[in-house]
N, C-alpha and C. Protein backbone atom coordinates (compact mmCIF):
# COMPACT_ATOMS: atom_id res chain seq x y z
N MET A 1 107.58 302.57 -2.95
CA MET A 1 107.36 301.08 -3.05
C MET A 1 106.67 301.63 -4.63
N GLY A 2 105.46 301.91 -4.03
CA GLY A 2 105.15 302.39 -5.36
C GLY A 2 104.10 303.62 -5.30
N ARG A 3 102.66 303.88 -5.29
CA ARG A 3 102.49 305.13 -4.85
C ARG A 3 101.91 305.23 -2.95
N VAL A 4 101.77 306.47 -2.44
CA VAL A 4 101.65 306.44 -1.26
C VAL A 4 100.06 307.43 -0.99
N THR A 5 99.32 306.45 -0.36
CA THR A 5 98.18 307.33 0.34
C THR A 5 98.01 308.01 1.16
N GLU A 6 97.36 308.71 1.38
CA GLU A 6 96.98 310.45 2.49
C GLU A 6 97.72 309.89 3.54
N ALA A 7 97.30 309.01 4.12
CA ALA A 7 97.60 308.55 4.93
C ALA A 7 99.24 308.01 5.15
N GLY A 8 99.60 308.26 4.19
CA GLY A 8 101.14 307.61 3.92
C GLY A 8 101.64 305.87 4.08
N ARG A 9 100.63 305.71 3.52
CA ARG A 9 101.32 304.21 3.74
C ARG A 9 101.39 303.45 2.26
N ALA A 10 101.52 302.72 1.86
CA ALA A 10 101.61 302.21 0.40
C ALA A 10 100.31 301.77 -0.05
N ASP A 11 100.16 301.90 -1.17
CA ASP A 11 99.08 301.10 -1.71
C ASP A 11 98.76 299.82 -1.90
N PRO A 12 97.82 299.34 -1.44
CA PRO A 12 97.21 297.55 -1.53
C PRO A 12 97.70 297.33 -2.67
N GLY A 13 97.54 298.12 -4.09
CA GLY A 13 97.60 297.39 -4.93
C GLY A 13 98.25 297.21 -5.96
N GLN A 14 99.41 298.20 -5.27
CA GLN A 14 101.11 298.41 -5.43
C GLN A 14 101.71 296.99 -5.15
N ARG A 15 101.14 296.66 -3.56
CA ARG A 15 102.13 295.91 -2.64
C ARG A 15 101.80 294.22 -3.27
N ARG A 16 100.06 294.64 -3.93
CA ARG A 16 99.59 292.74 -4.18
C ARG A 16 100.47 292.56 -5.67
N LEU A 17 100.78 293.88 -6.50
CA LEU A 17 101.88 293.33 -7.88
C LEU A 17 103.03 293.26 -7.45
N ALA A 18 104.07 293.99 -6.33
CA ALA A 18 104.86 293.44 -6.37
C ALA A 18 105.02 292.31 -5.64
N ARG A 19 104.27 291.43 -4.84
CA ARG A 19 104.56 290.12 -4.67
C ARG A 19 103.95 289.18 -5.71
N GLN A 20 102.83 289.78 -6.44
CA GLN A 20 102.84 288.91 -7.92
C GLN A 20 103.81 288.62 -8.75
N SER A 21 104.68 290.02 -9.07
CA SER A 21 105.97 289.89 -10.21
C SER A 21 107.23 289.25 -9.24
N SER A 22 107.11 288.93 -7.86
CA SER A 22 108.28 288.19 -7.31
C SER A 22 107.93 286.74 -7.58
N ARG A 23 106.47 286.42 -7.33
CA ARG A 23 106.10 285.24 -7.89
C ARG A 23 106.38 284.33 -9.19
N GLU A 24 105.73 285.46 -10.06
CA GLU A 24 106.19 284.86 -11.60
C GLU A 24 107.88 284.82 -11.78
N ARG A 25 109.03 285.60 -10.96
CA ARG A 25 110.21 285.00 -11.26
C ARG A 25 110.23 284.25 -10.51
N SER A 26 110.04 283.85 -9.43
CA SER A 26 110.44 282.54 -9.23
C SER A 26 110.00 281.28 -9.71
N ALA A 27 108.75 281.75 -10.25
CA ALA A 27 107.82 280.27 -11.38
C ALA A 27 108.70 280.35 -12.23
N SER A 28 109.71 281.62 -12.93
CA SER A 28 110.02 281.27 -14.34
C SER A 28 111.39 281.22 -14.26
N ARG A 29 112.33 280.93 -13.08
CA ARG A 29 113.41 280.72 -12.53
C ARG A 29 113.49 278.99 -12.05
N GLY A 30 111.87 278.19 -11.42
CA GLY A 30 111.84 277.39 -11.46
C GLY A 30 111.26 276.38 -12.71
N VAL A 31 110.99 276.72 -13.45
CA VAL A 31 110.51 276.62 -14.75
C VAL A 31 111.71 276.23 -15.92
N GLY A 32 113.06 277.13 -15.72
CA GLY A 32 113.96 277.38 -16.48
C GLY A 32 114.96 276.16 -15.31
N LEU A 33 114.93 275.71 -14.14
CA LEU A 33 115.60 274.79 -13.84
C LEU A 33 115.06 273.31 -13.99
N VAL A 34 113.31 273.24 -14.61
CA VAL A 34 113.31 271.95 -14.60
C VAL A 34 113.64 271.49 -15.99
N VAL A 35 113.88 272.88 -17.36
CA VAL A 35 114.26 272.33 -18.33
C VAL A 35 115.47 271.80 -18.87
N THR A 36 116.29 272.68 -17.66
CA THR A 36 117.93 272.60 -18.09
C THR A 36 118.48 271.50 -17.33
N ALA A 37 117.60 270.57 -15.78
CA ALA A 37 117.81 269.65 -16.13
C ALA A 37 117.18 268.30 -16.61
N ALA A 38 116.02 268.47 -17.22
CA ALA A 38 115.77 267.37 -18.35
C ALA A 38 116.34 267.09 -19.70
N ALA A 39 117.14 269.07 -19.71
CA ALA A 39 118.06 268.53 -21.31
C ALA A 39 119.35 267.56 -20.43
N VAL A 40 120.09 268.29 -19.43
CA VAL A 40 121.47 267.30 -18.40
C VAL A 40 120.94 265.48 -18.65
N LEU A 41 119.45 265.59 -18.02
CA LEU A 41 118.90 264.19 -18.10
C LEU A 41 119.18 263.10 -19.26
N LEU A 42 118.29 264.17 -20.58
CA LEU A 42 118.28 263.55 -21.70
C LEU A 42 119.81 263.53 -22.65
N PHE A 43 120.60 264.38 -22.37
CA PHE A 43 122.19 264.36 -22.96
C PHE A 43 122.79 263.34 -21.65
N VAL A 44 122.53 262.75 -20.60
CA VAL A 44 123.32 261.55 -20.41
C VAL A 44 122.58 260.36 -20.29
N ALA A 45 121.46 260.05 -20.29
CA ALA A 45 120.57 258.86 -21.31
C ALA A 45 120.91 258.62 -22.59
N VAL A 46 121.42 259.52 -23.45
CA VAL A 46 121.36 259.28 -24.78
C VAL A 46 122.75 259.05 -25.18
N VAL A 47 123.59 259.86 -24.04
CA VAL A 47 125.27 259.17 -23.99
C VAL A 47 125.31 257.76 -23.71
N GLY A 48 125.07 257.87 -22.54
CA GLY A 48 124.68 256.10 -21.53
C GLY A 48 124.50 255.25 -22.35
N GLY A 49 123.03 255.23 -22.92
CA GLY A 49 122.58 254.38 -24.12
C GLY A 49 123.45 253.76 -24.85
N TYR A 50 123.40 255.27 -25.61
CA TYR A 50 125.35 254.83 -26.67
C TYR A 50 125.94 254.21 -26.09
N GLN A 51 126.88 254.13 -24.83
CA GLN A 51 128.13 253.14 -24.95
C GLN A 51 127.56 252.01 -24.43
N LEU A 52 126.04 251.63 -23.89
CA LEU A 52 126.12 250.56 -23.32
C LEU A 52 125.41 249.93 -25.10
N ILE A 53 124.98 250.54 -25.74
CA ILE A 53 125.01 249.76 -27.38
C ILE A 53 126.22 249.12 -28.05
N TYR A 54 127.25 249.73 -27.65
CA TYR A 54 128.56 249.52 -28.32
C TYR A 54 129.28 249.56 -27.28
N PHE A 55 128.65 249.07 -26.20
CA PHE A 55 129.86 248.11 -25.05
C PHE A 55 130.88 247.49 -25.73
N ASN A 56 130.85 246.57 -26.45
CA ASN A 56 131.96 244.94 -26.41
C ASN A 56 131.43 245.61 -28.37
N SER A 57 131.44 246.48 -28.57
CA SER A 57 131.60 246.61 -30.53
C SER A 57 132.26 247.65 -30.62
N VAL A 58 133.02 247.71 -31.58
CA VAL A 58 133.72 249.17 -32.43
C VAL A 58 132.51 250.49 -32.39
N PHE A 59 133.01 251.19 -32.32
CA PHE A 59 131.87 252.53 -32.16
C PHE A 59 131.42 252.52 -33.88
N PRO A 60 130.13 252.95 -34.46
CA PRO A 60 130.27 253.39 -35.54
C PRO A 60 130.95 254.49 -36.57
N GLY A 61 131.36 254.12 -37.66
CA GLY A 61 132.02 255.16 -38.54
C GLY A 61 133.54 254.88 -38.58
N VAL A 62 133.93 253.62 -37.55
CA VAL A 62 135.68 253.35 -38.14
C VAL A 62 135.58 252.33 -38.78
N ARG A 63 137.09 252.43 -38.98
CA ARG A 63 137.16 251.37 -40.61
C ARG A 63 138.94 251.34 -40.63
N VAL A 64 138.61 250.15 -41.13
CA VAL A 64 140.76 249.94 -41.54
C VAL A 64 140.22 249.17 -42.82
N GLY A 65 141.21 250.61 -43.73
CA GLY A 65 141.26 250.29 -44.98
C GLY A 65 140.14 250.40 -45.89
N ASP A 66 139.46 249.87 -46.66
CA ASP A 66 138.24 249.86 -47.13
C ASP A 66 136.89 249.39 -46.12
N VAL A 67 137.64 249.05 -45.01
CA VAL A 67 136.74 247.90 -44.76
C VAL A 67 135.70 248.68 -43.24
N ASN A 68 134.66 248.85 -43.32
CA ASN A 68 134.00 249.56 -42.21
C ASN A 68 133.62 248.50 -41.00
N LEU A 69 134.21 249.04 -39.95
CA LEU A 69 133.96 247.84 -38.95
C LEU A 69 132.66 247.83 -37.74
N GLY A 70 132.05 249.12 -37.70
CA GLY A 70 131.26 250.17 -36.93
C GLY A 70 130.26 249.37 -36.74
N GLY A 71 130.31 248.91 -34.73
CA GLY A 71 129.40 247.66 -34.84
C GLY A 71 129.65 246.10 -34.71
N MET A 72 131.00 245.96 -34.92
CA MET A 72 131.25 244.91 -34.95
C MET A 72 131.92 244.37 -33.90
N GLN A 73 131.47 243.43 -33.21
CA GLN A 73 132.42 242.69 -31.98
C GLN A 73 133.85 242.23 -32.91
N LYS A 74 134.95 242.12 -31.95
CA LYS A 74 136.09 242.02 -32.48
C LYS A 74 136.09 240.87 -32.80
N ASP A 75 135.72 239.38 -32.57
CA ASP A 75 135.66 238.49 -33.37
C ASP A 75 134.94 238.54 -34.87
N ARG A 76 134.14 239.08 -34.72
CA ARG A 76 133.44 239.63 -36.27
C ARG A 76 134.30 240.25 -37.03
N ALA A 77 134.63 241.21 -35.92
CA ALA A 77 136.09 242.19 -37.53
C ALA A 77 137.06 241.68 -37.58
N LEU A 78 137.48 240.80 -36.76
CA LEU A 78 138.93 239.73 -37.20
C LEU A 78 138.26 238.70 -38.33
N ALA A 79 137.23 238.18 -38.48
CA ALA A 79 136.74 237.41 -39.92
C ALA A 79 136.58 238.05 -40.99
N GLU A 80 136.26 239.30 -40.58
CA GLU A 80 135.53 240.26 -41.76
C GLU A 80 137.42 240.77 -42.40
N LEU A 81 138.57 241.11 -41.73
CA LEU A 81 139.61 241.44 -41.95
C LEU A 81 140.93 240.30 -42.33
N ARG A 82 140.79 239.26 -41.53
CA ARG A 82 141.63 238.40 -41.83
C ARG A 82 141.82 237.67 -43.48
N PRO A 83 140.77 237.30 -44.06
CA PRO A 83 140.98 237.07 -45.42
C PRO A 83 141.64 237.97 -46.29
N LEU A 84 141.19 239.33 -46.30
CA LEU A 84 141.55 240.49 -47.11
C LEU A 84 142.57 240.64 -46.60
N TYR A 85 143.45 240.50 -45.77
CA TYR A 85 144.94 240.60 -44.97
C TYR A 85 145.82 238.88 -46.19
N GLU A 86 145.18 237.65 -45.54
CA GLU A 86 145.57 237.18 -46.35
C GLU A 86 145.56 237.04 -47.45
N GLU A 87 144.63 237.57 -48.75
CA GLU A 87 144.87 237.85 -49.80
C GLU A 87 145.63 239.22 -50.41
N ARG A 88 146.16 239.52 -49.29
CA ARG A 88 146.82 241.01 -49.71
C ARG A 88 148.41 240.97 -49.61
N ALA A 89 148.48 239.63 -48.22
CA ALA A 89 149.80 238.57 -48.29
C ALA A 89 150.36 238.04 -49.12
N SER A 90 149.63 237.48 -49.54
CA SER A 90 149.80 236.34 -50.88
C SER A 90 149.89 237.03 -52.47
N ARG A 91 149.55 238.25 -52.20
CA ARG A 91 149.34 238.60 -53.91
C ARG A 91 151.02 238.97 -54.37
N PRO A 92 150.95 238.70 -55.81
CA PRO A 92 152.28 238.26 -56.53
C PRO A 92 152.50 239.59 -57.15
N LEU A 93 153.55 239.82 -56.55
CA LEU A 93 154.75 241.13 -57.29
C LEU A 93 155.62 240.84 -58.45
N LEU A 94 155.88 241.28 -59.23
CA LEU A 94 156.86 241.68 -60.18
C LEU A 94 157.98 241.89 -59.47
N LEU A 95 159.44 242.00 -59.76
CA LEU A 95 159.97 242.96 -59.27
C LEU A 95 161.31 242.12 -60.85
N ARG A 96 161.57 243.53 -62.01
CA ARG A 96 162.20 243.20 -62.95
C ARG A 96 164.04 244.42 -61.63
N GLY A 97 164.55 243.71 -62.92
CA GLY A 97 166.10 244.20 -62.56
C GLY A 97 166.53 244.01 -63.99
N PRO A 98 167.46 244.59 -64.04
CA PRO A 98 167.93 244.75 -65.32
C PRO A 98 168.66 243.26 -66.39
N ASP A 99 168.48 243.22 -65.89
CA ASP A 99 169.05 241.12 -66.38
C ASP A 99 167.80 240.25 -66.44
N ALA A 100 167.03 240.38 -64.99
CA ALA A 100 165.86 239.57 -64.87
C ALA A 100 164.90 239.72 -64.06
N GLN A 101 164.11 239.50 -64.18
CA GLN A 101 163.23 239.64 -63.55
C GLN A 101 162.00 238.10 -62.48
N ARG A 102 161.78 238.63 -61.14
CA ARG A 102 160.90 237.60 -60.56
C ARG A 102 159.70 237.91 -60.19
N GLN A 103 159.12 236.79 -59.46
CA GLN A 103 157.67 237.44 -59.14
C GLN A 103 158.00 236.43 -57.52
N VAL A 104 157.40 237.49 -56.99
CA VAL A 104 157.34 237.22 -55.30
C VAL A 104 155.75 237.50 -54.99
N SER A 105 155.51 236.95 -53.32
CA SER A 105 154.25 237.61 -52.83
C SER A 105 155.04 238.81 -51.95
N VAL A 106 154.11 239.67 -51.43
CA VAL A 106 154.39 240.36 -50.04
C VAL A 106 155.17 240.45 -49.23
N ALA A 107 154.18 238.42 -48.68
CA ALA A 107 154.60 238.12 -47.65
C ALA A 107 156.41 237.25 -47.85
N ASP A 108 156.68 237.43 -48.85
CA ASP A 108 157.78 236.67 -49.55
C ASP A 108 158.91 237.78 -48.95
N LEU A 109 158.43 239.05 -49.24
CA LEU A 109 159.71 239.96 -48.70
C LEU A 109 159.21 240.77 -47.58
N GLY A 110 158.79 239.97 -46.70
CA GLY A 110 158.53 240.01 -45.32
C GLY A 110 157.67 241.49 -44.40
N ALA A 111 156.45 241.80 -45.92
CA ALA A 111 155.70 242.74 -45.10
C ALA A 111 154.93 241.50 -44.42
N THR A 112 154.30 242.25 -43.00
CA THR A 112 152.98 241.12 -42.36
C THR A 112 151.96 241.95 -42.61
N PHE A 113 150.54 241.72 -42.55
CA PHE A 113 149.47 242.24 -42.35
C PHE A 113 148.55 241.85 -40.57
N ASP A 114 148.68 242.18 -39.86
CA ASP A 114 148.26 242.34 -38.75
C ASP A 114 146.89 242.11 -38.43
N ALA A 115 145.88 241.48 -38.57
CA ALA A 115 144.80 241.59 -38.81
C ALA A 115 143.68 242.07 -37.00
N ALA A 116 144.67 241.57 -36.34
CA ALA A 116 144.64 241.41 -34.45
C ALA A 116 144.67 242.99 -34.27
N SER A 117 146.32 243.42 -34.51
CA SER A 117 146.84 244.40 -34.30
C SER A 117 145.50 245.57 -34.59
N ALA A 118 145.07 245.24 -36.08
CA ALA A 118 144.13 246.59 -36.66
C ALA A 118 142.49 246.45 -36.09
N VAL A 119 142.38 245.38 -35.55
CA VAL A 119 140.61 245.56 -34.96
C VAL A 119 140.91 246.04 -33.71
N ASP A 120 142.19 245.28 -32.91
CA ASP A 120 142.52 246.32 -31.65
C ASP A 120 142.58 248.05 -31.73
N ALA A 121 143.34 248.32 -32.58
CA ALA A 121 142.96 249.74 -32.76
C ALA A 121 141.83 250.19 -33.24
N ALA A 122 141.42 249.71 -34.24
CA ALA A 122 140.12 250.19 -34.17
C ALA A 122 139.10 250.36 -32.87
N TYR A 123 139.40 249.05 -32.20
CA TYR A 123 138.24 249.06 -30.82
C TYR A 123 138.42 250.49 -30.08
N ARG A 124 139.76 250.80 -29.81
CA ARG A 124 140.29 251.97 -29.09
C ARG A 124 140.08 253.16 -29.61
N VAL A 125 139.43 253.24 -30.79
CA VAL A 125 138.95 254.68 -31.35
C VAL A 125 137.79 254.85 -30.10
N GLY A 126 137.35 256.33 -29.32
CA GLY A 126 136.72 256.72 -28.73
C GLY A 126 136.46 255.79 -27.33
N ARG A 127 137.90 255.34 -26.66
CA ARG A 127 137.53 254.82 -25.71
C ARG A 127 139.14 254.96 -24.81
N THR A 128 139.61 255.92 -25.40
CA THR A 128 141.22 255.92 -24.79
C THR A 128 140.71 257.86 -24.20
N GLY A 129 141.92 257.94 -23.16
CA GLY A 129 141.68 259.14 -23.14
C GLY A 129 140.77 259.51 -21.95
N SER A 130 140.08 261.21 -22.23
CA SER A 130 139.58 261.88 -20.99
C SER A 130 137.88 261.60 -21.32
N TRP A 131 136.83 261.63 -20.73
CA TRP A 131 135.66 261.29 -21.19
C TRP A 131 135.44 262.37 -21.89
N GLY A 132 136.05 263.72 -22.22
CA GLY A 132 135.58 264.67 -23.24
C GLY A 132 136.22 263.86 -24.69
N GLU A 133 137.20 263.44 -24.63
CA GLU A 133 138.29 263.03 -25.63
C GLU A 133 137.48 262.09 -26.15
N ARG A 134 137.08 261.00 -25.61
CA ARG A 134 136.09 260.22 -25.78
C ARG A 134 135.37 260.23 -26.94
N LEU A 135 134.20 261.05 -25.92
CA LEU A 135 133.13 261.67 -26.57
C LEU A 135 133.09 262.57 -27.77
N THR A 136 134.60 263.34 -28.18
CA THR A 136 134.61 263.76 -29.34
C THR A 136 135.17 262.83 -30.20
N ALA A 137 135.96 261.87 -29.64
CA ALA A 137 136.43 260.53 -31.12
C ALA A 137 134.75 260.49 -31.17
N GLN A 138 134.31 259.57 -30.60
CA GLN A 138 132.97 259.10 -31.12
C GLN A 138 132.03 259.63 -31.77
N VAL A 139 132.00 261.00 -31.71
CA VAL A 139 130.89 262.05 -32.49
C VAL A 139 131.65 261.97 -34.04
N ALA A 140 133.00 262.41 -33.60
CA ALA A 140 133.49 262.60 -35.10
C ALA A 140 133.54 261.26 -35.60
N ALA A 141 133.79 260.36 -35.14
CA ALA A 141 133.82 258.98 -36.18
C ALA A 141 132.31 258.84 -36.47
N LEU A 142 131.41 259.02 -35.86
CA LEU A 142 129.82 258.84 -36.68
C LEU A 142 129.61 259.81 -37.08
N ALA A 143 130.21 261.05 -37.25
CA ALA A 143 129.62 261.99 -38.36
C ALA A 143 130.84 262.13 -39.30
N ARG A 144 132.25 261.92 -39.28
CA ARG A 144 133.17 262.01 -40.26
C ARG A 144 133.83 260.79 -41.01
N GLY A 145 133.33 259.91 -39.93
CA GLY A 145 134.43 258.61 -40.20
C GLY A 145 135.69 258.83 -39.65
N TYR A 146 135.95 257.75 -39.43
CA TYR A 146 137.49 256.96 -38.83
C TYR A 146 138.48 256.38 -39.18
N SER A 147 139.29 256.44 -39.98
CA SER A 147 140.83 255.73 -40.51
C SER A 147 141.40 255.28 -40.04
N VAL A 148 141.43 253.63 -39.59
CA VAL A 148 142.33 253.12 -38.77
C VAL A 148 143.57 253.18 -39.29
N GLU A 149 145.31 253.31 -38.95
CA GLU A 149 145.93 252.97 -39.83
C GLU A 149 146.08 251.70 -39.79
N THR A 150 146.53 250.92 -40.86
CA THR A 150 146.34 249.19 -41.31
C THR A 150 148.22 249.28 -40.94
N PRO A 151 148.19 248.26 -39.59
CA PRO A 151 149.32 248.02 -39.15
C PRO A 151 149.85 246.69 -39.59
N GLY A 152 150.98 246.81 -39.44
CA GLY A 152 152.20 245.70 -40.12
C GLY A 152 152.60 245.72 -41.89
N ILE A 153 152.12 247.10 -42.56
CA ILE A 153 152.47 247.50 -43.75
C ILE A 153 153.48 248.00 -44.11
């Protein structure tokens, strides 16, 4: 253990140091566990709070075309997209052939713009797959943005 006295016993000072360093190691482990538990608890609180805030809304950073739907509930997002889609469907196109030309709308050609499907697709971002896949999609949308394909074109 340490120094041995003339009588063959360990020096009491050495025994005291050994006990003290053992206590320090235990205290150090305890502090490490408390810090780790606090970090895990903070992570769970942040992620849980984020999920609650956007429980019924499109996650931030998600857009359809040029329209950012992040933070909107489905009905508000639909109200944003529907007029744009209606305007897009009625937009005139000029078709020219060798002998004639004709002006038609995109809707006349059979193209549809489904605003409700676009909103549903935006809402599903970060809500499908495993928890890891969901969190990854949410963080990616928040950090880099996520563009949903415009259905019906």
